[in-house]
Amino acid sequence: MLANIKKTFSPKPAILAQAAEGRQAKWNIFLNGLAAFGMGIGSILGEAVVMIPVFTVAAILSLENGSNLPADVNTVVQLLATVVPIAVLLPYVKFAEKRSLRSMGFVKEHAVTDYLLGMVIAFAMFSGCVGLCVASGAMTFGGYVLGGRYLMLAAMFLGFLIQGASEETVCRGFMMTSFGSKGGAFAGMLFNSLVFGCLHLFNSGITLLSFVNLMLFGIFMSVLVLKLNSIWMACAIHSVWNFVQGNFFGILVSGGNFGTSVFRFNSVEGEELLNGGAFGMEGGLATTTVLTVSIIAVLLLRPREPKTPVEAAC
């Protein structure tokens, strides 16, 4: 088992070896910082573009019946807008750095099975967090609250599929592989996880423990990508983790309220250390426990042997 942990970081995982073959810029650290900044700016620009037709329709409707744009619609637009960083980074890596998308983890083999399994794993992991809180009395069940908002729930799900994939593409697909191809797998893992945590510093309710949990989530995703030499399962876990958190269990997602939800679970006052309080479940020890166990479990897995680039290049 210890050998499997060692193989995660040494010798260099296939995904990092493939990334090292590209023509990367000498100012790699600056470029990674620019990517993090660009993810936020790109999402804002994308949101502006997507919002134009949405607000046009909303304006027409408001003239007819005085209605305003629903908050959930605004949220869906923001989630869909996160496609912009993906649309920018993939061509950059392919044509500027001259490396395959495979070196970012976008491989063909096991893509569907990895993604589907990742969705199941995410649901199980977050259900474990909720279970710990409910069992300890840190959270109570507030009932079924969805009503008939099935289309909005589906729209939220689609939005989170894109949002989760976007953050994984930037942090694990680009930052970790670019930095790790030069500094090694361990350095790439820590660097992108630190940046991932910093991207949430201005979220409502952020605390030291929630920042630590965000880094743990980044480490878990990084180890998973290094083990599988694929980003698909990480994308699925990230997307479904966020979706079930906000739109299935009705809990704050990194300090944000995402409206439409199937159920509602309420945090008990005075139990913020476990349930995360104003930041949501990701700010509590229940998540710390689940993520720590998950990291250890993935570290113990045997790394997947990749096919040759000729057999499975993207």
C-alpha atoms as a PDB file:
ATOM      1  CA  MET A   1       0.000   0.000   0.000  1.00  0.00           C
ATOM      2  CA  LEU A   2       2.853   2.374   0.793  1.00  0.00           C
ATOM      3  CA  ALA A   3       4.240   1.654  -2.661  1.00  0.00           C
ATOM      4  CA  ASN A   4       0.993   2.916  -4.182  1.00  0.00           C
ATOM      5  CA  ILE A   5       1.337   6.187  -2.243  1.00  0.00           C
ATOM      6  CA  LYS A   6       4.912   6.614  -3.458  1.00  0.00           C
ATOM      7  CA  LYS A   7       3.901   5.954  -7.073  1.00  0.00           C
ATOM      8  CA  THR A   8       1.444   8.876  -6.882  1.00  0.00           C
ATOM      9  CA  PHE A   9       4.303  11.357  -6.818  1.00  0.00           C
ATOM     10  CA  SER A  10       7.382   9.471  -8.034  1.00  0.00           C
ATOM     11  CA  PRO A  11       8.259   8.648 -10.701  1.00  0.00           C
ATOM     12  CA  LYS A  12       6.516  11.482 -12.498  1.00  0.00           C
ATOM     13  CA  PRO A  13       2.887  10.491 -13.300  1.00  0.00           C
ATOM     14  CA  ALA A  14       2.100  10.058 -16.989  1.00  0.00           C
ATOM     15  CA  ILE A  15      -0.111  13.143 -17.120  1.00  0.00           C
ATOM     16  CA  LEU A  16       2.775  15.343 -15.926  1.00  0.00           C
ATOM     17  CA  ALA A  17       5.290  13.640 -18.195  1.00  0.00           C
ATOM     18  CA  GLN A  18       3.041  14.412 -21.162  1.00  0.00           C
ATOM     19  CA  ALA A  19       2.638  18.012 -20.020  1.00  0.00           C
ATOM     20  CA  ALA A  20       6.429  18.385 -19.835  1.00  0.00           C
ATOM     21  CA  GLU A  21       6.672  17.578 -23.538  1.00  0.00           C
ATOM     22  CA  GLY A  22       4.841  20.777 -24.448  1.00  0.00           C
ATOM     23  CA  ARG A  23       6.331  24.170 -25.245  1.00  0.00           C
ATOM     24  CA  GLN A  24       5.502  25.870 -21.980  1.00  0.00           C
ATOM     25  CA  ALA A  25       6.312  29.470 -21.275  1.00  0.00           C
ATOM     26  CA  LYS A  26       9.350  30.251 -19.084  1.00  0.00           C
ATOM     27  CA  TRP A  27       7.130  32.534 -17.010  1.00  0.00           C
ATOM     28  CA  ASN A  28       5.021  29.556 -15.964  1.00  0.00           C
ATOM     29  CA  ILE A  29       4.255  30.722 -12.416  1.00  0.00           C
ATOM     30  CA  PHE A  30       3.001  34.073 -13.681  1.00  0.00           C
ATOM     31  CA  LEU A  31       0.917  32.280 -16.300  1.00  0.00           C
ATOM     32  CA  ASN A  32      -0.714  30.117 -13.651  1.00  0.00           C
ATOM     33  CA  GLY A  33      -1.588  33.194 -11.618  1.00  0.00           C
ATOM     34  CA  LEU A  34      -2.984  34.784 -14.739  1.00  0.00           C
ATOM     35  CA  ALA A  35      -5.118  31.699 -15.321  1.00  0.00           C
ATOM     36  CA  ALA A  36      -6.606  31.977 -11.831  1.00  0.00           C
ATOM     37  CA  PHE A  37      -7.358  35.659 -12.349  1.00  0.00           C
ATOM     38  CA  GLY A  38      -8.644  34.956 -15.844  1.00  0.00           C
ATOM     39  CA  MET A  39     -11.078  32.352 -14.550  1.00  0.00           C
ATOM     40  CA  GLY A  40     -12.870  35.041 -12.583  1.00  0.00           C
ATOM     41  CA  ILE A  41     -12.690  37.680 -15.296  1.00  0.00           C
ATOM     42  CA  GLY A  42     -13.652  35.192 -17.995  1.00  0.00           C
ATOM     43  CA  SER A  43     -16.705  34.099 -16.042  1.00  0.00           C
ATOM     44  CA  ILE A  44     -17.778  37.719 -15.607  1.00  0.00           C
ATOM     45  CA  LEU A  45     -17.394  38.422 -19.330  1.00  0.00           C
ATOM     46  CA  GLY A  46     -19.186  35.204 -20.199  1.00  0.00           C
ATOM     47  CA  GLU A  47     -21.977  36.087 -17.819  1.00  0.00           C
ATOM     48  CA  ALA A  48     -22.346  39.470 -19.501  1.00  0.00           C
ATOM     49  CA  VAL A  49     -22.652  37.839 -22.917  1.00  0.00           C
ATOM     50  CA  VAL A  50     -25.145  35.232 -21.729  1.00  0.00           C
ATOM     51  CA  MET A  51     -27.129  37.830 -19.783  1.00  0.00           C
ATOM     52  CA  ILE A  52     -27.899  39.977 -22.839  1.00  0.00           C
ATOM     53  CA  PRO A  53     -30.584  37.675 -24.340  1.00  0.00           C
ATOM     54  CA  VAL A  54     -31.822  36.685 -20.871  1.00  0.00           C
ATOM     55  CA  PHE A  55     -32.352  40.253 -19.758  1.00  0.00           C
ATOM     56  CA  THR A  56     -33.912  41.103 -23.099  1.00  0.00           C
ATOM     57  CA  VAL A  57     -36.561  38.438 -22.600  1.00  0.00           C
ATOM     58  CA  ALA A  58     -36.975  39.457 -18.954  1.00  0.00           C
ATOM     59  CA  ALA A  59     -37.485  43.083 -19.954  1.00  0.00           C
ATOM     60  CA  ILE A  60     -40.222  42.098 -22.403  1.00  0.00           C
ATOM     61  CA  LEU A  61     -41.918  39.957 -19.756  1.00  0.00           C
ATOM     62  CA  SER A  62     -41.697  42.709 -17.151  1.00  0.00           C
ATOM     63  CA  LEU A  63     -43.395  45.128 -19.525  1.00  0.00           C
ATOM     64  CA  GLU A  64     -46.227  42.646 -19.900  1.00  0.00           C
ATOM     65  CA  ASN A  65     -46.805  41.539 -16.310  1.00  0.00           C
ATOM     66  CA  GLY A  66     -44.420  43.507 -14.105  1.00  0.00           C
ATOM     67  CA  SER A  67     -42.321  40.464 -13.193  1.00  0.00           C
ATOM     68  CA  ASN A  68     -38.607  40.628 -12.425  1.00  0.00           C
ATOM     69  CA  LEU A  69     -35.866  38.218 -13.395  1.00  0.00           C
ATOM     70  CA  PRO A  70     -35.990  35.340 -10.862  1.00  0.00           C
ATOM     71  CA  ALA A  71     -32.894  34.969  -8.680  1.00  0.00           C
ATOM     72  CA  ASP A  72     -32.536  31.317  -9.731  1.00  0.00           C
ATOM     73  CA  VAL A  73     -32.327  32.318 -13.394  1.00  0.00           C
ATOM     74  CA  ASN A  74     -29.521  34.721 -12.555  1.00  0.00           C
ATOM     75  CA  THR A  75     -27.726  31.917 -10.719  1.00  0.00           C
ATOM     76  CA  VAL A  76     -28.034  29.536 -13.670  1.00  0.00           C
ATOM     77  CA  VAL A  77     -26.622  32.187 -15.998  1.00  0.00           C
ATOM     78  CA  GLN A  78     -23.643  32.690 -13.702  1.00  0.00           C
ATOM     79  CA  LEU A  79     -22.991  28.955 -13.651  1.00  0.00           C
ATOM     80  CA  LEU A  80     -23.262  28.618 -17.435  1.00  0.00           C
ATOM     81  CA  ALA A  81     -20.882  31.552 -17.884  1.00  0.00           C
ATOM     82  CA  THR A  82     -18.063  29.542 -16.300  1.00  0.00           C
ATOM     83  CA  VAL A  83     -17.649  27.816 -19.667  1.00  0.00           C
ATOM     84  CA  VAL A  84     -15.470  30.757 -20.762  1.00  0.00           C
ATOM     85  CA  PRO A  85     -12.247  29.664 -18.969  1.00  0.00           C
ATOM     86  CA  ILE A  86     -12.602  26.225 -20.580  1.00  0.00           C
ATOM     87  CA  ALA A  87     -13.081  27.787 -24.007  1.00  0.00           C
ATOM     88  CA  VAL A  88      -9.921  29.869 -23.527  1.00  0.00           C
ATOM     89  CA  LEU A  89      -7.591  27.339 -21.898  1.00  0.00           C
ATOM     90  CA  LEU A  90      -8.141  24.358 -24.201  1.00  0.00           C
ATOM     91  CA  PRO A  91      -7.089  26.185 -27.408  1.00  0.00           C
ATOM     92  CA  TYR A  92      -4.179  27.826 -25.549  1.00  0.00           C
ATOM     93  CA  VAL A  93      -2.787  24.480 -24.378  1.00  0.00           C
ATOM     94  CA  LYS A  94      -3.381  22.832 -27.741  1.00  0.00           C
ATOM     95  CA  PHE A  95      -1.940  25.521 -30.006  1.00  0.00           C
ATOM     96  CA  ALA A  96       0.307  27.750 -27.888  1.00  0.00           C
ATOM     97  CA  GLU A  97       1.932  25.161 -25.626  1.00  0.00           C
ATOM     98  CA  LYS A  98       1.776  22.506 -28.355  1.00  0.00           C
ATOM     99  CA  ARG A  99       0.654  19.745 -26.028  1.00  0.00           C
ATOM    100  CA  SER A 100      -2.288  17.389 -26.241  1.00  0.00           C
ATOM    101  CA  LEU A 101      -5.458  17.811 -24.208  1.00  0.00           C
ATOM    102  CA  ARG A 102      -4.546  14.401 -22.839  1.00  0.00           C
ATOM    103  CA  SER A 103      -1.829  16.149 -20.841  1.00  0.00           C
ATOM    104  CA  MET A 104      -4.654  18.006 -19.043  1.00  0.00           C
ATOM    105  CA  GLY A 105      -6.439  14.760 -18.270  1.00  0.00           C
ATOM    106  CA  PHE A 106      -8.951  14.827 -21.131  1.00  0.00           C
ATOM    107  CA  VAL A 107      -8.499  11.227 -22.204  1.00  0.00           C
ATOM    108  CA  LYS A 108     -10.826   8.945 -24.122  1.00  0.00           C
ATOM    109  CA  GLU A 109     -10.393   5.701 -22.192  1.00  0.00           C
ATOM    110  CA  HIS A 110     -12.700   5.213 -19.192  1.00  0.00           C
ATOM    111  CA  ALA A 111     -14.174   8.706 -19.720  1.00  0.00           C
ATOM    112  CA  VAL A 112     -17.833   7.706 -19.391  1.00  0.00           C
ATOM    113  CA  THR A 113     -17.360   5.158 -16.614  1.00  0.00           C
ATOM    114  CA  ASP A 114     -15.084   7.524 -14.666  1.00  0.00           C
ATOM    115  CA  TYR A 115     -17.615  10.325 -14.941  1.00  0.00           C
ATOM    116  CA  LEU A 116     -20.579   8.218 -13.859  1.00  0.00           C
ATOM    117  CA  LEU A 117     -18.639   6.690 -10.971  1.00  0.00           C
ATOM    118  CA  GLY A 118     -17.520  10.167  -9.944  1.00  0.00           C
ATOM    119  CA  MET A 119     -21.140  11.298  -9.691  1.00  0.00           C
ATOM    120  CA  VAL A 120     -21.941   8.389  -7.375  1.00  0.00           C
ATOM    121  CA  ILE A 121     -18.829   9.030  -5.262  1.00  0.00           C
ATOM    122  CA  ALA A 122     -19.691  12.722  -4.859  1.00  0.00           C
ATOM    123  CA  PHE A 123     -23.218  11.923  -3.698  1.00  0.00           C
ATOM    124  CA  ALA A 124     -21.898   9.355  -1.230  1.00  0.00           C
ATOM    125  CA  MET A 125     -19.222  11.694   0.119  1.00  0.00           C
ATOM    126  CA  PHE A 126     -21.536  14.612   0.715  1.00  0.00           C
ATOM    127  CA  SER A 127     -24.237  12.372   2.122  1.00  0.00           C
ATOM    128  CA  GLY A 128     -21.591  11.233   4.599  1.00  0.00           C
ATOM    129  CA  CYS A 129     -21.002  14.860   5.638  1.00  0.00           C
ATOM    130  CA  VAL A 130     -24.736  15.414   6.136  1.00  0.00           C
ATOM    131  CA  GLY A 131     -25.083  12.113   7.986  1.00  0.00           C
ATOM    132  CA  LEU A 132     -22.366  13.084  10.470  1.00  0.00           C
ATOM    133  CA  CYS A 133     -24.072  16.411  11.179  1.00  0.00           C
ATOM    134  CA  VAL A 134     -27.568  14.950  11.548  1.00  0.00           C
ATOM    135  CA  ALA A 135     -26.333  12.099  13.767  1.00  0.00           C
ATOM    136  CA  SER A 136     -24.504  14.533  16.031  1.00  0.00           C
ATOM    137  CA  GLY A 137     -27.412  16.969  16.242  1.00  0.00           C
ATOM    138  CA  ALA A 138     -25.550  19.720  14.372  1.00  0.00           C
ATOM    139  CA  MET A 139     -28.143  19.732  11.584  1.00  0.00           C
ATOM    140  CA  THR A 140     -31.870  19.024  11.315  1.00  0.00           C
ATOM    141  CA  PHE A 141     -34.085  17.892   8.439  1.00  0.00           C
ATOM    142  CA  GLY A 142     -36.375  20.666   7.193  1.00  0.00           C
ATOM    143  CA  GLY A 143     -38.491  18.630   4.767  1.00  0.00           C
ATOM    144  CA  TYR A 144     -39.227  18.429   1.035  1.00  0.00           C
ATOM    145  CA  VAL A 145     -39.242  21.902  -0.549  1.00  0.00           C
ATOM    146  CA  LEU A 146     -38.895  21.436  -4.322  1.00  0.00           C
ATOM    147  CA  GLY A 147     -42.528  21.761  -5.323  1.00  0.00           C
ATOM    148  CA  GLY A 148     -42.880  21.719  -9.111  1.00  0.00           C
ATOM    149  CA  ARG A 149     -39.589  23.419 -10.037  1.00  0.00           C
ATOM    150  CA  TYR A 150     -38.218  20.458 -11.978  1.00  0.00           C
ATOM    151  CA  LEU A 151     -36.998  22.462 -14.975  1.00  0.00           C
ATOM    152  CA  MET A 152     -35.102  24.884 -12.754  1.00  0.00           C
ATOM    153  CA  LEU A 153     -33.540  21.951 -10.907  1.00  0.00           C
ATOM    154  CA  ALA A 154     -32.426  20.495 -14.254  1.00  0.00           C
ATOM    155  CA  ALA A 155     -31.024  23.881 -15.309  1.00  0.00           C
ATOM    156  CA  MET A 156     -29.068  24.102 -12.037  1.00  0.00           C
ATOM    157  CA  PHE A 157     -27.685  20.614 -12.644  1.00  0.00           C
ATOM    158  CA  LEU A 158     -26.513  21.569 -16.134  1.00  0.00           C
ATOM    159  CA  GLY A 159     -24.975  24.757 -14.785  1.00  0.00           C
ATOM    160  CA  PHE A 160     -23.031  22.885 -12.114  1.00  0.00           C
ATOM    161  CA  LEU A 161     -21.800  20.340 -14.666  1.00  0.00           C
ATOM    162  CA  ILE A 162     -20.104  23.228 -16.454  1.00  0.00           C
ATOM    163  CA  GLN A 163     -18.996  25.077 -13.308  1.00  0.00           C
ATOM    164  CA  GLY A 164     -17.326  22.025 -11.771  1.00  0.00           C
ATOM    165  CA  ALA A 165     -15.585  21.137 -15.027  1.00  0.00           C
ATOM    166  CA  SER A 166     -14.394  24.737 -15.387  1.00  0.00           C
ATOM    167  CA  GLU A 167     -12.698  24.857 -11.980  1.00  0.00           C
ATOM    168  CA  GLU A 168     -11.139  21.432 -12.518  1.00  0.00           C
ATOM    169  CA  THR A 169      -9.860  22.452 -15.955  1.00  0.00           C
ATOM    170  CA  VAL A 170      -8.194  25.565 -14.559  1.00  0.00           C
ATOM    171  CA  CYS A 171      -6.844  24.160 -11.272  1.00  0.00           C
ATOM    172  CA  ARG A 172      -6.083  20.505 -11.933  1.00  0.00           C
ATOM    173  CA  GLY A 173      -6.038  20.350 -15.742  1.00  0.00           C
ATOM    174  CA  PHE A 174      -3.881  23.426 -16.264  1.00  0.00           C
ATOM    175  CA  MET A 175      -2.270  24.671 -13.042  1.00  0.00           C
ATOM    176  CA  MET A 176      -1.281  21.311 -11.602  1.00  0.00           C
ATOM    177  CA  THR A 177       0.005  19.882 -14.875  1.00  0.00           C
ATOM    178  CA  SER A 178       1.882  23.053 -15.869  1.00  0.00           C
ATOM    179  CA  PHE A 179       3.494  23.639 -12.475  1.00  0.00           C
ATOM    180  CA  GLY A 180       3.877  19.951 -11.691  1.00  0.00           C
ATOM    181  CA  SER A 181       5.603  19.136 -14.977  1.00  0.00           C
ATOM    182  CA  LYS A 182       8.505  21.322 -13.811  1.00  0.00           C
ATOM    183  CA  GLY A 183       8.352  21.228 -10.018  1.00  0.00           C
ATOM    184  CA  GLY A 184       7.065  17.701  -9.523  1.00  0.00           C
ATOM    185  CA  ALA A 185       3.711  16.147  -8.669  1.00  0.00           C
ATOM    186  CA  PHE A 186       3.734  17.066  -4.970  1.00  0.00           C
ATOM    187  CA  ALA A 187       4.540  20.720  -5.672  1.00  0.00           C
ATOM    188  CA  GLY A 188       1.901  20.863  -8.419  1.00  0.00           C
ATOM    189  CA  MET A 189      -0.693  19.393  -6.070  1.00  0.00           C
ATOM    190  CA  LEU A 190       0.021  21.872  -3.268  1.00  0.00           C
ATOM    191  CA  PHE A 191       0.268  24.872  -5.590  1.00  0.00           C
ATOM    192  CA  ASN A 192      -3.050  24.378  -7.351  1.00  0.00           C
ATOM    193  CA  SER A 193      -4.807  23.456  -4.086  1.00  0.00           C
ATOM    194  CA  LEU A 194      -3.574  26.659  -2.451  1.00  0.00           C
ATOM    195  CA  VAL A 195      -4.767  28.713  -5.402  1.00  0.00           C
ATOM    196  CA  PHE A 196      -8.103  26.881  -5.350  1.00  0.00           C
ATOM    197  CA  GLY A 197      -8.558  27.847  -1.714  1.00  0.00           C
ATOM    198  CA  CYS A 198      -7.563  31.454  -2.404  1.00  0.00           C
ATOM    199  CA  LEU A 199     -10.175  31.702  -5.173  1.00  0.00           C
ATOM    200  CA  HIS A 200     -12.825  31.466  -2.425  1.00  0.00           C
ATOM    201  CA  LEU A 201     -11.324  33.975   0.005  1.00  0.00           C
ATOM    202  CA  PHE A 202     -13.967  36.595  -0.708  1.00  0.00           C
ATOM    203  CA  ASN A 203     -16.900  34.190  -0.334  1.00  0.00           C
ATOM    204  CA  SER A 204     -19.427  34.953   2.363  1.00  0.00           C
ATOM    205  CA  GLY A 205     -18.723  33.308   5.734  1.00  0.00           C
ATOM    206  CA  ILE A 206     -15.146  32.213   4.920  1.00  0.00           C
ATOM    207  CA  THR A 207     -13.159  30.944   7.930  1.00  0.00           C
ATOM    208  CA  LEU A 208      -9.770  29.352   8.514  1.00  0.00           C
ATOM    209  CA  LEU A 209     -11.371  25.900   8.733  1.00  0.00           C
ATOM    210  CA  SER A 210     -13.320  26.392   5.505  1.00  0.00           C
ATOM    211  CA  PHE A 211     -10.096  27.480   3.781  1.00  0.00           C
ATOM    212  CA  VAL A 212      -8.382  24.321   5.048  1.00  0.00           C
ATOM    213  CA  ASN A 213     -11.294  22.221   3.767  1.00  0.00           C
ATOM    214  CA  LEU A 214     -11.093  23.879   0.362  1.00  0.00           C
ATOM    215  CA  MET A 215      -7.409  22.988   0.216  1.00  0.00           C
ATOM    216  CA  LEU A 216      -8.225  19.421   1.266  1.00  0.00           C
ATOM    217  CA  PHE A 217     -10.792  19.250  -1.530  1.00  0.00           C
ATOM    218  CA  GLY A 218      -8.128  20.468  -3.963  1.00  0.00           C
ATOM    219  CA  ILE A 219      -5.665  17.855  -2.689  1.00  0.00           C
ATOM    220  CA  PHE A 220      -8.284  15.118  -3.019  1.00  0.00           C
ATOM    221  CA  MET A 221      -9.031  16.140  -6.605  1.00  0.00           C
ATOM    222  CA  SER A 222      -5.317  16.419  -7.420  1.00  0.00           C
ATOM    223  CA  VAL A 223      -4.455  12.962  -6.088  1.00  0.00           C
ATOM    224  CA  LEU A 224      -7.395  11.500  -7.981  1.00  0.00           C
ATOM    225  CA  VAL A 225      -6.225  13.043 -11.274  1.00  0.00           C
ATOM    226  CA  LEU A 226      -2.641  11.896 -10.676  1.00  0.00           C
ATOM    227  CA  LYS A 227      -3.798   8.356  -9.873  1.00  0.00           C
ATOM    228  CA  LEU A 228      -6.075   8.041 -12.898  1.00  0.00           C
ATOM    229  CA  ASN A 229      -4.137  10.242 -15.361  1.00  0.00           C
ATOM    230  CA  SER A 230      -7.608  11.551 -16.196  1.00  0.00           C
ATOM    231  CA  ILE A 231      -9.667  14.571 -15.153  1.00  0.00           C
ATOM    232  CA  TRP A 232     -13.135  13.172 -15.885  1.00  0.00           C
ATOM    233  CA  MET A 233     -13.877  11.707 -12.456  1.00  0.00           C
ATOM    234  CA  ALA A 234     -12.655  14.891 -10.759  1.00  0.00           C
ATOM    235  CA  CYS A 235     -14.976  16.981 -12.952  1.00  0.00           C
ATOM    236  CA  ALA A 236     -17.939  14.777 -12.036  1.00  0.00           C
ATOM    237  CA  ILE A 237     -17.193  14.772  -8.313  1.00  0.00           C
ATOM    238  CA  HIS A 238     -16.745  18.551  -8.215  1.00  0.00           C
ATOM    239  CA  SER A 239     -19.967  19.231 -10.124  1.00  0.00           C
ATOM    240  CA  VAL A 240     -22.179  16.787  -8.246  1.00  0.00           C
ATOM    241  CA  TRP A 241     -20.655  17.715  -4.866  1.00  0.00           C
ATOM    242  CA  ASN A 242     -21.765  21.326  -5.430  1.00  0.00           C
ATOM    243  CA  PHE A 243     -25.129  20.380  -6.908  1.00  0.00           C
ATOM    244  CA  VAL A 244     -26.244  17.978  -4.184  1.00  0.00           C
ATOM    245  CA  GLN A 245     -24.990  20.367  -1.536  1.00  0.00           C
ATOM    246  CA  GLY A 246     -27.050  23.315  -2.726  1.00  0.00           C
ATOM    247  CA  ASN A 247     -29.836  21.820  -4.821  1.00  0.00           C
ATOM    248  CA  PHE A 248     -30.506  18.452  -3.208  1.00  0.00           C
ATOM    249  CA  PHE A 249     -29.808  18.965   0.493  1.00  0.00           C
ATOM    250  CA  GLY A 250     -30.495  22.714   0.413  1.00  0.00           C
ATOM    251  CA  ILE A 251     -27.248  23.736   2.154  1.00  0.00           C
ATOM    252  CA  LEU A 252     -25.106  26.808   1.450  1.00  0.00           C
ATOM    253  CA  VAL A 253     -22.388  26.163  -1.157  1.00  0.00           C
ATOM    254  CA  SER A 254     -19.148  27.899  -0.137  1.00  0.00           C
ATOM    255  CA  GLY A 255     -21.208  30.671   1.437  1.00  0.00           C
ATOM    256  CA  GLY A 256     -23.688  30.954  -1.442  1.00  0.00           C
ATOM    257  CA  ASN A 257     -27.417  30.183  -1.519  1.00  0.00           C
ATOM    258  CA  PHE A 258     -28.401  28.428  -4.754  1.00  0.00           C
ATOM    259  CA  GLY A 259     -32.164  28.578  -4.295  1.00  0.00           C
ATOM    260  CA  THR A 260     -34.102  25.703  -5.812  1.00  0.00           C
ATOM    261  CA  SER A 261     -33.601  22.517  -3.809  1.00  0.00           C
ATOM    262  CA  VAL A 262     -35.232  19.118  -3.318  1.00  0.00           C
ATOM    263  CA  PHE A 263     -34.850  19.087   0.472  1.00  0.00           C
ATOM    264  CA  ARG A 264     -33.878  21.532   3.177  1.00  0.00           C
ATOM    265  CA  PHE A 265     -31.424  20.784   5.977  1.00  0.00           C
ATOM    266  CA  ASN A 266     -30.964  23.431   8.644  1.00  0.00           C
ATOM    267  CA  SER A 267     -27.794  24.137  10.601  1.00  0.00           C
ATOM    268  CA  VAL A 268     -28.192  24.184  14.376  1.00  0.00           C
ATOM    269  CA  GLU A 269     -26.874  27.319  16.090  1.00  0.00           C
ATOM    270  CA  GLY A 270     -23.906  26.693  18.337  1.00  0.00           C
ATOM    271  CA  GLU A 271     -22.731  23.742  16.226  1.00  0.00           C
ATOM    272  CA  GLU A 272     -20.877  25.780  13.592  1.00  0.00           C
ATOM    273  CA  LEU A 273     -17.613  23.923  14.178  1.00  0.00           C
ATOM    274  CA  LEU A 274     -19.234  20.777  12.779  1.00  0.00           C
ATOM    275  CA  ASN A 275     -21.841  22.102  10.316  1.00  0.00           C
ATOM    276  CA  GLY A 276     -19.838  25.040   8.930  1.00  0.00           C
ATOM    277  CA  GLY A 277     -22.259  27.797   9.903  1.00  0.00           C
ATOM    278  CA  ALA A 278     -22.507  30.715   7.460  1.00  0.00           C
ATOM    279  CA  PHE A 279     -20.117  29.132   4.945  1.00  0.00           C
ATOM    280  CA  GLY A 280     -22.123  25.946   4.646  1.00  0.00           C
ATOM    281  CA  MET A 281     -21.079  22.345   5.134  1.00  0.00           C
ATOM    282  CA  GLU A 282     -17.626  22.946   3.599  1.00  0.00           C
ATOM    283  CA  GLY A 283     -16.735  25.078   6.617  1.00  0.00           C
ATOM    284  CA  GLY A 284     -17.158  22.351   9.238  1.00  0.00           C
ATOM    285  CA  LEU A 285     -15.331  19.392  10.735  1.00  0.00           C
ATOM    286  CA  ALA A 286     -17.796  16.955   9.159  1.00  0.00           C
ATOM    287  CA  THR A 287     -16.347  17.840   5.758  1.00  0.00           C
ATOM    288  CA  THR A 288     -12.802  17.779   7.144  1.00  0.00           C
ATOM    289  CA  THR A 289     -13.392  14.203   8.295  1.00  0.00           C
ATOM    290  CA  VAL A 290     -14.894  12.988   5.014  1.00  0.00           C
ATOM    291  CA  LEU A 291     -12.229  14.640   2.863  1.00  0.00           C
ATOM    292  CA  THR A 292      -9.361  13.334   5.010  1.00  0.00           C
ATOM    293  CA  VAL A 293     -10.689   9.770   4.802  1.00  0.00           C
ATOM    294  CA  SER A 294     -11.227  10.188   1.041  1.00  0.00           C
ATOM    295  CA  ILE A 295      -7.677  11.441   0.476  1.00  0.00           C
ATOM    296  CA  ILE A 296      -6.214   8.491   2.381  1.00  0.00           C
ATOM    297  CA  ALA A 297      -8.414   6.050   0.457  1.00  0.00           C
ATOM    298  CA  VAL A 298      -7.361   7.443  -2.922  1.00  0.00           C
ATOM    299  CA  LEU A 299      -3.682   7.537  -1.936  1.00  0.00           C
ATOM    300  CA  LEU A 300      -3.851   3.810  -1.218  1.00  0.00           C
ATOM    301  CA  LEU A 301      -5.237   3.004  -4.667  1.00  0.00           C
ATOM    302  CA  ARG A 302      -2.953   1.546  -7.291  1.00  0.00           C
ATOM    303  CA  PRO A 303      -2.205   4.136 -10.021  1.00  0.00           C
ATOM    304  CA  ARG A 304      -3.851   3.420 -13.336  1.00  0.00           C
ATOM    305  CA  GLU A 305      -1.433   2.448 -16.079  1.00  0.00           C
ATOM    306  CA  PRO A 306      -2.114   4.752 -19.054  1.00  0.00           C
ATOM    307  CA  LYS A 307      -2.286   3.660 -22.645  1.00  0.00           C
ATOM    308  CA  THR A 308       0.272   5.073 -25.021  1.00  0.00           C
ATOM    309  CA  PRO A 309      -0.486   8.513 -26.557  1.00  0.00           C
ATOM    310  CA  VAL A 310      -0.808   6.853 -29.966  1.00  0.00           C
ATOM    311  CA  GLU A 311      -3.512   4.498 -28.723  1.00  0.00           C
ATOM    312  CA  ALA A 312      -5.591   7.048 -26.887  1.00  0.00           C
ATOM    313  CA  ALA A 313      -4.601  10.583 -27.829  1.00  0.00           C
ATOM    314  CA  CYS A 314      -7.193  13.309 -27.724  1.00  0.00           C
END
